[in-house]
Amino acid sequence: MSITNINIRTDTETKAEAQQIFASLGLDMTTAINLFLRQTVRMNDIPFVLTTKTTQTSEAGKLPHSRGCMKGKMRIADDFDEPLDDLKEYMQ
């Protein structure tokens, strides 16, 4: 399999916050982005729900992996453990 590069632009704060979250999960930016790309291909879709509707949730109603960075903007799928299975396969 040949390797290619992808160049993306994002603001400094988003990159730093994402790197902290990835690091807390034992991931680097490249691995996290590869997980996103592999899940996109696997599902033949964006691997999370995109919506223009905002939702109000109480503290008790927060999802287990919510970090608040996209609060009210996206919802984690019920099968949020599946990317971990992909990560395990990718890391082998």
PDB file of N, CA and C in Angstrom:
ATOM      1  N   MET A   1       0.850  -1.168   0.000  1.00  0.00           N
ATOM      2  CA  MET A   1       0.000   0.000   0.000  1.00  0.00           C
ATOM      3  C   MET A   1       0.905   1.243   0.000  1.00  0.00           C
ATOM      4  N   SER A   2       0.667   2.135  -0.923  1.00  0.00           N
ATOM      5  CA  SER A   2       1.473   3.360  -0.965  1.00  0.00           C
ATOM      6  C   SER A   2       0.916   4.392   0.018  1.00  0.00           C
ATOM      7  N   ILE A   3       1.767   5.282   0.460  1.00  0.00           N
ATOM      8  CA  ILE A   3       1.424   6.304   1.447  1.00  0.00           C
ATOM      9  C   ILE A   3       1.360   7.655   0.741  1.00  0.00           C
ATOM     10  N   THR A   4       0.422   8.494   1.157  1.00  0.00           N
ATOM     11  CA  THR A   4       0.301   9.838   0.619  1.00  0.00           C
ATOM     12  C   THR A   4       0.170  10.833   1.762  1.00  0.00           C
ATOM     13  N   ASN A   5       0.413  12.080   1.493  1.00  0.00           N
ATOM     14  CA  ASN A   5       0.282  13.134   2.498  1.00  0.00           C
ATOM     15  C   ASN A   5      -0.996  13.923   2.278  1.00  0.00           C
ATOM     16  N   ILE A   6      -1.568  14.403   3.380  1.00  0.00           N
ATOM     17  CA  ILE A   6      -2.720  15.295   3.350  1.00  0.00           C
ATOM     18  C   ILE A   6      -2.330  16.533   4.148  1.00  0.00           C
ATOM     19  N   ASN A   7      -2.502  17.700   3.569  1.00  0.00           N
ATOM     20  CA  ASN A   7      -2.256  18.951   4.291  1.00  0.00           C
ATOM     21  C   ASN A   7      -3.597  19.584   4.608  1.00  0.00           C
ATOM     22  N   ILE A   8      -3.802  19.942   5.878  1.00  0.00           N
ATOM     23  CA  ILE A   8      -5.048  20.594   6.272  1.00  0.00           C
ATOM     24  C   ILE A   8      -4.728  21.877   7.022  1.00  0.00           C
ATOM     25  N   ARG A   9      -5.688  22.763   7.048  1.00  0.00           N
ATOM     26  CA  ARG A   9      -5.555  24.011   7.798  1.00  0.00           C
ATOM     27  C   ARG A   9      -6.629  24.045   8.875  1.00  0.00           C
ATOM     28  N   THR A  10      -6.233  24.465  10.061  1.00  0.00           N
ATOM     29  CA  THR A  10      -7.167  24.646  11.163  1.00  0.00           C
ATOM     30  C   THR A  10      -6.588  25.711  12.075  1.00  0.00           C
ATOM     31  N   ASP A  11      -7.420  26.233  12.950  1.00  0.00           N
ATOM     32  CA  ASP A  11      -6.898  27.262  13.847  1.00  0.00           C
ATOM     33  C   ASP A  11      -6.057  26.617  14.954  1.00  0.00           C
ATOM     34  N   THR A  12      -5.152  27.399  15.496  1.00  0.00           N
ATOM     35  CA  THR A  12      -4.180  26.923  16.476  1.00  0.00           C
ATOM     36  C   THR A  12      -4.851  26.334  17.712  1.00  0.00           C
ATOM     37  N   GLU A  13      -5.898  26.986  18.198  1.00  0.00           N
ATOM     38  CA  GLU A  13      -6.583  26.521  19.411  1.00  0.00           C
ATOM     39  C   GLU A  13      -7.244  25.161  19.193  1.00  0.00           C
ATOM     40  N   THR A  14      -7.916  24.993  18.064  1.00  0.00           N
ATOM     41  CA  THR A  14      -8.563  23.705  17.774  1.00  0.00           C
ATOM     42  C   THR A  14      -7.533  22.592  17.688  1.00  0.00           C
ATOM     43  N   LYS A  15      -6.418  22.861  17.013  1.00  0.00           N
ATOM     44  CA  LYS A  15      -5.368  21.854  16.883  1.00  0.00           C
ATOM     45  C   LYS A  15      -4.824  21.456  18.254  1.00  0.00           C
ATOM     46  N   ALA A  16      -4.531  22.446  19.092  1.00  0.00           N
ATOM     47  CA  ALA A  16      -3.972  22.166  20.421  1.00  0.00           C
ATOM     48  C   ALA A  16      -4.951  21.371  21.284  1.00  0.00           C
ATOM     49  N   GLU A  17      -6.216  21.770  21.264  1.00  0.00           N
ATOM     50  CA  GLU A  17      -7.223  21.053  22.059  1.00  0.00           C
ATOM     51  C   GLU A  17      -7.399  19.628  21.564  1.00  0.00           C
ATOM     52  N   ALA A  18      -7.418  19.450  20.249  1.00  0.00           N
ATOM     53  CA  ALA A  18      -7.556  18.104  19.684  1.00  0.00           C
ATOM     54  C   ALA A  18      -6.345  17.242  20.056  1.00  0.00           C
ATOM     55  N   GLN A  19      -5.140  17.816  19.973  1.00  0.00           N
ATOM     56  CA  GLN A  19      -3.938  17.061  20.327  1.00  0.00           C
ATOM     57  C   GLN A  19      -3.966  16.618  21.780  1.00  0.00           C
ATOM     58  N   GLN A  20      -4.469  17.463  22.679  1.00  0.00           N
ATOM     59  CA  GLN A  20      -4.574  17.078  24.091  1.00  0.00           C
ATOM     60  C   GLN A  20      -5.534  15.909  24.260  1.00  0.00           C
ATOM     61  N   ILE A  21      -6.663  15.968  23.583  1.00  0.00           N
ATOM     62  CA  ILE A  21      -7.649  14.881  23.686  1.00  0.00           C
ATOM     63  C   ILE A  21      -7.058  13.600  23.111  1.00  0.00           C
ATOM     64  N   PHE A  22      -6.440  13.691  21.926  1.00  0.00           N
ATOM     65  CA  PHE A  22      -5.842  12.502  21.312  1.00  0.00           C
ATOM     66  C   PHE A  22      -4.765  11.913  22.219  1.00  0.00           C
ATOM     67  N   ALA A  23      -3.923  12.772  22.785  1.00  0.00           N
ATOM     68  CA  ALA A  23      -2.853  12.307  23.674  1.00  0.00           C
ATOM     69  C   ALA A  23      -3.423  11.577  24.886  1.00  0.00           C
ATOM     70  N   SER A  24      -4.548  12.075  25.416  1.00  0.00           N
ATOM     71  CA  SER A  24      -5.161  11.415  26.570  1.00  0.00           C
ATOM     72  C   SER A  24      -5.673  10.020  26.209  1.00  0.00           C
ATOM     73  N   LEU A  25      -5.888   9.798  24.921  1.00  0.00           N
ATOM     74  CA  LEU A  25      -6.325   8.490  24.431  1.00  0.00           C
ATOM     75  C   LEU A  25      -5.158   7.663  23.888  1.00  0.00           C
ATOM     76  N   GLY A  26      -3.939   8.204  23.994  1.00  0.00           N
ATOM     77  CA  GLY A  26      -2.766   7.498  23.501  1.00  0.00           C
ATOM     78  C   GLY A  26      -2.596   7.588  21.993  1.00  0.00           C
ATOM     79  N   LEU A  27      -3.185   8.608  21.372  1.00  0.00           N
ATOM     80  CA  LEU A  27      -3.128   8.769  19.923  1.00  0.00           C
ATOM     81  C   LEU A  27      -2.354  10.025  19.550  1.00  0.00           C
ATOM     82  N   ASP A  28      -1.770  10.013  18.361  1.00  0.00           N
ATOM     83  CA  ASP A  28      -1.222  11.240  17.810  1.00  0.00           C
ATOM     84  C   ASP A  28      -2.198  11.740  16.737  1.00  0.00           C
ATOM     85  N   MET A  29      -1.934  12.919  16.203  1.00  0.00           N
ATOM     86  CA  MET A  29      -2.840  13.518  15.221  1.00  0.00           C
ATOM     87  C   MET A  29      -2.996  12.643  13.982  1.00  0.00           C
ATOM     88  N   THR A  30      -1.899  12.094  13.484  1.00  0.00           N
ATOM     89  CA  THR A  30      -1.955  11.258  12.283  1.00  0.00           C
ATOM     90  C   THR A  30      -2.838  10.040  12.493  1.00  0.00           C
ATOM     91  N   THR A  31      -2.661   9.361  13.616  1.00  0.00           N
ATOM     92  CA  THR A  31      -3.465   8.171  13.899  1.00  0.00           C
ATOM     93  C   THR A  31      -4.936   8.525  14.044  1.00  0.00           C
ATOM     94  N   ALA A  32      -5.238   9.623  14.727  1.00  0.00           N
ATOM     95  CA  ALA A  32      -6.628  10.050  14.908  1.00  0.00           C
ATOM     96  C   ALA A  32      -7.281  10.379  13.568  1.00  0.00           C
ATOM     97  N   ILE A  33      -6.574  11.090  12.710  1.00  0.00           N
ATOM     98  CA  ILE A  33      -7.138  11.426  11.402  1.00  0.00           C
ATOM     99  C   ILE A  33      -7.302  10.171  10.552  1.00  0.00           C
ATOM    100  N   ASN A  34      -6.340   9.254  10.637  1.00  0.00           N
ATOM    101  CA  ASN A  34      -6.484   7.985   9.916  1.00  0.00           C
ATOM    102  C   ASN A  34      -7.688   7.189  10.417  1.00  0.00           C
ATOM    103  N   LEU A  35      -7.954   7.229  11.721  1.00  0.00           N
ATOM    104  CA  LEU A  35      -9.150   6.563  12.249  1.00  0.00           C
ATOM    105  C   LEU A  35     -10.410   7.166  11.646  1.00  0.00           C
ATOM    106  N   PHE A  36     -10.447   8.505  11.587  1.00  0.00           N
ATOM    107  CA  PHE A  36     -11.595   9.181  10.982  1.00  0.00           C
ATOM    108  C   PHE A  36     -11.755   8.745   9.520  1.00  0.00           C
ATOM    109  N   LEU A  37     -10.675   8.740   8.759  1.00  0.00           N
ATOM    110  CA  LEU A  37     -10.753   8.366   7.349  1.00  0.00           C
ATOM    111  C   LEU A  37     -11.181   6.914   7.168  1.00  0.00           C
ATOM    112  N   ARG A  38     -10.618   6.015   7.980  1.00  0.00           N
ATOM    113  CA  ARG A  38     -10.981   4.597   7.872  1.00  0.00           C
ATOM    114  C   ARG A  38     -12.453   4.362   8.246  1.00  0.00           C
ATOM    115  N   GLN A  39     -12.931   5.056   9.275  1.00  0.00           N
ATOM    116  CA  GLN A  39     -14.340   4.925   9.651  1.00  0.00           C
ATOM    117  C   GLN A  39     -15.249   5.485   8.559  1.00  0.00           C
ATOM    118  N   THR A  40     -14.825   6.573   7.922  1.00  0.00           N
ATOM    119  CA  THR A  40     -15.597   7.148   6.824  1.00  0.00           C
ATOM    120  C   THR A  40     -15.736   6.137   5.697  1.00  0.00           C
ATOM    121  N   VAL A  41     -14.628   5.490   5.333  1.00  0.00           N
ATOM    122  CA  VAL A  41     -14.655   4.483   4.276  1.00  0.00           C
ATOM    123  C   VAL A  41     -15.483   3.280   4.712  1.00  0.00           C
ATOM    124  N   ARG A  42     -15.269   2.823   5.931  1.00  0.00           N
ATOM    125  CA  ARG A  42     -15.980   1.639   6.448  1.00  0.00           C
ATOM    126  C   ARG A  42     -17.490   1.841   6.449  1.00  0.00           C
ATOM    127  N   MET A  43     -17.918   3.039   6.874  1.00  0.00           N
ATOM    128  CA  MET A  43     -19.349   3.330   6.976  1.00  0.00           C
ATOM    129  C   MET A  43     -19.919   3.907   5.674  1.00  0.00           C
ATOM    130  N   ASN A  44     -19.023   4.271   4.756  1.00  0.00           N
ATOM    131  CA  ASN A  44     -19.432   4.939   3.526  1.00  0.00           C
ATOM    132  C   ASN A  44     -20.256   6.186   3.842  1.00  0.00           C
ATOM    133  N   ASP A  45     -19.821   6.896   4.886  1.00  0.00           N
ATOM    134  CA  ASP A  45     -20.540   8.068   5.377  1.00  0.00           C
ATOM    135  C   ASP A  45     -19.652   8.782   6.396  1.00  0.00           C
ATOM    136  N   ILE A  46     -20.043   9.968   6.802  1.00  0.00           N
ATOM    137  CA  ILE A  46     -19.361  10.652   7.896  1.00  0.00           C
ATOM    138  C   ILE A  46     -19.650   9.847   9.165  1.00  0.00           C
ATOM    139  N   PRO A  47     -18.635   9.535   9.977  1.00  0.00           N
ATOM    140  CA  PRO A  47     -18.851   8.645  11.130  1.00  0.00           C
ATOM    141  C   PRO A  47     -19.454   9.316  12.363  1.00  0.00           C
ATOM    142  N   PHE A  48     -20.171  10.396  12.185  1.00  0.00           N
ATOM    143  CA  PHE A  48     -20.924  11.025  13.257  1.00  0.00           C
ATOM    144  C   PHE A  48     -22.068  11.793  12.636  1.00  0.00           C
ATOM    145  N   VAL A  49     -23.037  12.164  13.440  1.00  0.00           N
ATOM    146  CA  VAL A  49     -24.235  12.839  12.947  1.00  0.00           C
ATOM    147  C   VAL A  49     -23.958  14.323  12.753  1.00  0.00           C
ATOM    148  N   LEU A  50     -24.225  14.828  11.554  1.00  0.00           N
ATOM    149  CA  LEU A  50     -24.150  16.255  11.281  1.00  0.00           C
ATOM    150  C   LEU A  50     -25.562  16.819  11.345  1.00  0.00           C
ATOM    151  N   THR A  51     -25.738  17.914  12.058  1.00  0.00           N
ATOM    152  CA  THR A  51     -27.057  18.499  12.177  1.00  0.00           C
ATOM    153  C   THR A  51     -26.957  20.004  12.368  1.00  0.00           C
ATOM    154  N   THR A  52     -27.986  20.690  11.959  1.00  0.00           N
ATOM    155  CA  THR A  52     -28.057  22.129  12.211  1.00  0.00           C
ATOM    156  C   THR A  52     -28.861  22.418  13.467  1.00  0.00           C
ATOM    157  N   LYS A  53     -29.477  21.390  14.007  1.00  0.00           N
ATOM    158  CA  LYS A  53     -30.300  21.546  15.210  1.00  0.00           C
ATOM    159  C   LYS A  53     -29.426  21.448  16.452  1.00  0.00           C
ATOM    160  N   THR A  54     -29.649  22.336  17.384  1.00  0.00           N
ATOM    161  CA  THR A  54     -28.933  22.255  18.649  1.00  0.00           C
ATOM    162  C   THR A  54     -29.823  21.554  19.663  1.00  0.00           C
ATOM    163  N   THR A  55     -29.175  20.891  20.608  1.00  0.00           N
ATOM    164  CA  THR A  55     -29.918  20.208  21.660  1.00  0.00           C
ATOM    165  C   THR A  55     -29.453  20.733  22.996  1.00  0.00           C
ATOM    166  N   GLN A  56     -30.352  20.793  23.924  1.00  0.00           N
ATOM    167  CA  GLN A  56     -30.034  21.194  25.286  1.00  0.00           C
ATOM    168  C   GLN A  56     -29.964  19.925  26.126  1.00  0.00           C
ATOM    169  N   THR A  57     -28.856  19.742  26.835  1.00  0.00           N
ATOM    170  CA  THR A  57     -28.731  18.578  27.705  1.00  0.00           C
ATOM    171  C   THR A  57     -28.360  19.042  29.099  1.00  0.00           C
ATOM    172  N   SER A  58     -28.849  18.300  30.065  1.00  0.00           N
ATOM    173  CA  SER A  58     -28.486  18.580  31.446  1.00  0.00           C
ATOM    174  C   SER A  58     -27.130  17.942  31.724  1.00  0.00           C
ATOM    175  N   GLU A  59     -26.518  18.271  32.849  1.00  0.00           N
ATOM    176  CA  GLU A  59     -25.247  17.648  33.233  1.00  0.00           C
ATOM    177  C   GLU A  59     -25.379  16.131  33.249  1.00  0.00           C
ATOM    178  N   ALA A  60     -26.488  15.637  33.782  1.00  0.00           N
ATOM    179  CA  ALA A  60     -26.693  14.192  33.895  1.00  0.00           C
ATOM    180  C   ALA A  60     -26.878  13.549  32.534  1.00  0.00           C
ATOM    181  N   GLY A  61     -27.299  14.314  31.523  1.00  0.00           N
ATOM    182  CA  GLY A  61     -27.579  13.754  30.212  1.00  0.00           C
ATOM    183  C   GLY A  61     -26.410  13.777  29.253  1.00  0.00           C
ATOM    184  N   LYS A  62     -25.245  14.192  29.698  1.00  0.00           N
ATOM    185  CA  LYS A  62     -24.088  14.261  28.805  1.00  0.00           C
ATOM    186  C   LYS A  62     -23.632  12.862  28.411  1.00  0.00           C
ATOM    187  N   LEU A  63     -23.115  12.761  27.204  1.00  0.00           N
ATOM    188  CA  LEU A  63     -22.589  11.498  26.723  1.00  0.00           C
ATOM    189  C   LEU A  63     -21.249  11.217  27.399  1.00  0.00           C
ATOM    190  N   PRO A  64     -20.870   9.939  27.543  1.00  0.00           N
ATOM    191  CA  PRO A  64     -19.670   9.600  28.303  1.00  0.00           C
ATOM    192  C   PRO A  64     -18.375  10.176  27.754  1.00  0.00           C
ATOM    193  N   HIS A  65     -18.252  10.366  26.438  1.00  0.00           N
ATOM    194  CA  HIS A  65     -16.993  10.864  25.881  1.00  0.00           C
ATOM    195  C   HIS A  65     -17.078  12.333  25.504  1.00  0.00           C
ATOM    196  N   SER A  66     -18.097  13.031  25.966  1.00  0.00           N
ATOM    197  CA  SER A  66     -18.263  14.439  25.609  1.00  0.00           C
ATOM    198  C   SER A  66     -17.183  15.283  26.262  1.00  0.00           C
ATOM    199  N   ARG A  67     -16.543  16.146  25.485  1.00  0.00           N
ATOM    200  CA  ARG A  67     -15.511  17.042  25.999  1.00  0.00           C
ATOM    201  C   ARG A  67     -15.991  18.488  25.959  1.00  0.00           C
ATOM    202  N   GLY A  68     -17.186  18.727  25.399  1.00  0.00           N
ATOM    203  CA  GLY A  68     -17.748  20.053  25.402  1.00  0.00           C
ATOM    204  C   GLY A  68     -17.324  20.935  24.253  1.00  0.00           C
ATOM    205  N   CYS A  69     -16.376  20.506  23.413  1.00  0.00           N
ATOM    206  CA  CYS A  69     -15.878  21.374  22.353  1.00  0.00           C
ATOM    207  C   CYS A  69     -16.917  21.591  21.260  1.00  0.00           C
ATOM    208  N   MET A  70     -17.816  20.659  21.069  1.00  0.00           N
ATOM    209  CA  MET A  70     -18.872  20.798  20.076  1.00  0.00           C
ATOM    210  C   MET A  70     -20.238  20.645  20.747  1.00  0.00           C
ATOM    211  N   LYS A  71     -20.332  21.060  21.987  1.00  0.00           N
ATOM    212  CA  LYS A  71     -21.540  20.902  22.782  1.00  0.00           C
ATOM    213  C   LYS A  71     -22.769  21.374  22.010  1.00  0.00           C
ATOM    214  N   GLY A  72     -23.729  20.486  21.869  1.00  0.00           N
ATOM    215  CA  GLY A  72     -24.958  20.807  21.170  1.00  0.00           C
ATOM    216  C   GLY A  72     -24.850  20.736  19.665  1.00  0.00           C
ATOM    217  N   LYS A  73     -23.682  20.452  19.138  1.00  0.00           N
ATOM    218  CA  LYS A  73     -23.478  20.431  17.692  1.00  0.00           C
ATOM    219  C   LYS A  73     -23.404  19.029  17.110  1.00  0.00           C
ATOM    220  N   MET A  74     -22.976  18.059  17.918  1.00  0.00           N
ATOM    221  CA  MET A  74     -22.895  16.706  17.402  1.00  0.00           C
ATOM    222  C   MET A  74     -23.206  15.703  18.488  1.00  0.00           C
ATOM    223  N   ARG A  75     -23.550  14.536  18.058  1.00  0.00           N
ATOM    224  CA  ARG A  75     -23.926  13.467  18.960  1.00  0.00           C
ATOM    225  C   ARG A  75     -23.054  12.267  18.636  1.00  0.00           C
ATOM    226  N   ILE A  76     -22.613  11.565  19.663  1.00  0.00           N
ATOM    227  CA  ILE A  76     -21.796  10.367  19.470  1.00  0.00           C
ATOM    228  C   ILE A  76     -22.733   9.188  19.229  1.00  0.00           C
ATOM    229  N   ALA A  77     -22.417   8.397  18.233  1.00  0.00           N
ATOM    230  CA  ALA A  77     -23.238   7.244  17.890  1.00  0.00           C
ATOM    231  C   ALA A  77     -23.260   6.249  19.040  1.00  0.00           C
ATOM    232  N   ASP A  78     -24.313   5.423  19.062  1.00  0.00           N
ATOM    233  CA  ASP A  78     -24.441   4.416  20.102  1.00  0.00           C
ATOM    234  C   ASP A  78     -23.298   3.401  20.055  1.00  0.00           C
ATOM    235  N   ASP A  79     -22.694   3.225  18.874  1.00  0.00           N
ATOM    236  CA  ASP A  79     -21.626   2.245  18.718  1.00  0.00           C
ATOM    237  C   ASP A  79     -20.252   2.908  18.763  1.00  0.00           C
ATOM    238  N   PHE A  80     -20.042   3.813  19.746  1.00  0.00           N
ATOM    239  CA  PHE A  80     -18.796   4.575  19.801  1.00  0.00           C
ATOM    240  C   PHE A  80     -17.580   3.721  20.127  1.00  0.00           C
ATOM    241  N   ASP A  81     -17.745   2.468  20.505  1.00  0.00           N
ATOM    242  CA  ASP A  81     -16.595   1.600  20.754  1.00  0.00           C
ATOM    243  C   ASP A  81     -16.012   1.030  19.462  1.00  0.00           C
ATOM    244  N   GLU A  82     -16.777   1.060  18.354  1.00  0.00           N
ATOM    245  CA  GLU A  82     -16.287   0.491  17.110  1.00  0.00           C
ATOM    246  C   GLU A  82     -14.992   1.128  16.628  1.00  0.00           C
ATOM    247  N   PRO A  83     -14.806   2.473  16.718  1.00  0.00           N
ATOM    248  CA  PRO A  83     -13.510   3.017  16.289  1.00  0.00           C
ATOM    249  C   PRO A  83     -12.335   2.443  17.078  1.00  0.00           C
ATOM    250  N   LEU A  84     -12.566   2.055  18.333  1.00  0.00           N
ATOM    251  CA  LEU A  84     -11.493   1.447  19.113  1.00  0.00           C
ATOM    252  C   LEU A  84     -11.100   0.103  18.535  1.00  0.00           C
ATOM    253  N   ASP A  85     -12.087  -0.636  18.026  1.00  0.00           N
ATOM    254  CA  ASP A  85     -11.787  -1.904  17.367  1.00  0.00           C
ATOM    255  C   ASP A  85     -10.939  -1.648  16.126  1.00  0.00           C
ATOM    256  N   ASP A  86     -11.285  -0.602  15.368  1.00  0.00           N
ATOM    257  CA  ASP A  86     -10.504  -0.243  14.195  1.00  0.00           C
ATOM    258  C   ASP A  86      -9.095   0.166  14.592  1.00  0.00           C
ATOM    259  N   LEU A  87      -8.962   0.909  15.698  1.00  0.00           N
ATOM    260  CA  LEU A  87      -7.644   1.329  16.161  1.00  0.00           C
ATOM    261  C   LEU A  87      -6.799   0.116  16.495  1.00  0.00           C
ATOM    262  N   LYS A  88      -7.371  -0.856  17.204  1.00  0.00           N
ATOM    263  CA  LYS A  88      -6.628  -2.064  17.571  1.00  0.00           C
ATOM    264  C   LYS A  88      -6.139  -2.776  16.303  1.00  0.00           C
ATOM    265  N   GLU A  89      -7.023  -2.865  15.297  1.00  0.00           N
ATOM    266  CA  GLU A  89      -6.649  -3.501  14.042  1.00  0.00           C
ATOM    267  C   GLU A  89      -5.558  -2.691  13.332  1.00  0.00           C
ATOM    268  N   TYR A  90      -5.694  -1.376  13.326  1.00  0.00           N
ATOM    269  CA  TYR A  90      -4.728  -0.487  12.673  1.00  0.00           C
ATOM    270  C   TYR A  90      -3.354  -0.565  13.339  1.00  0.00           C
ATOM    271  N   MET A  91      -3.324  -0.710  14.649  1.00  0.00           N
ATOM    272  CA  MET A  91      -2.074  -0.714  15.393  1.00  0.00           C
ATOM    273  C   MET A  91      -1.323  -2.044  15.296  1.00  0.00           C
ATOM    274  N   GLN A  92      -1.973  -3.100  14.821  1.00  0.00           N
ATOM    275  CA  GLN A  92      -1.315  -4.406  14.721  1.00  0.00           C
ATOM    276  C   GLN A  92      -0.359  -4.478  13.566  1.00  0.00           C
TER     277      GLN A  92
END
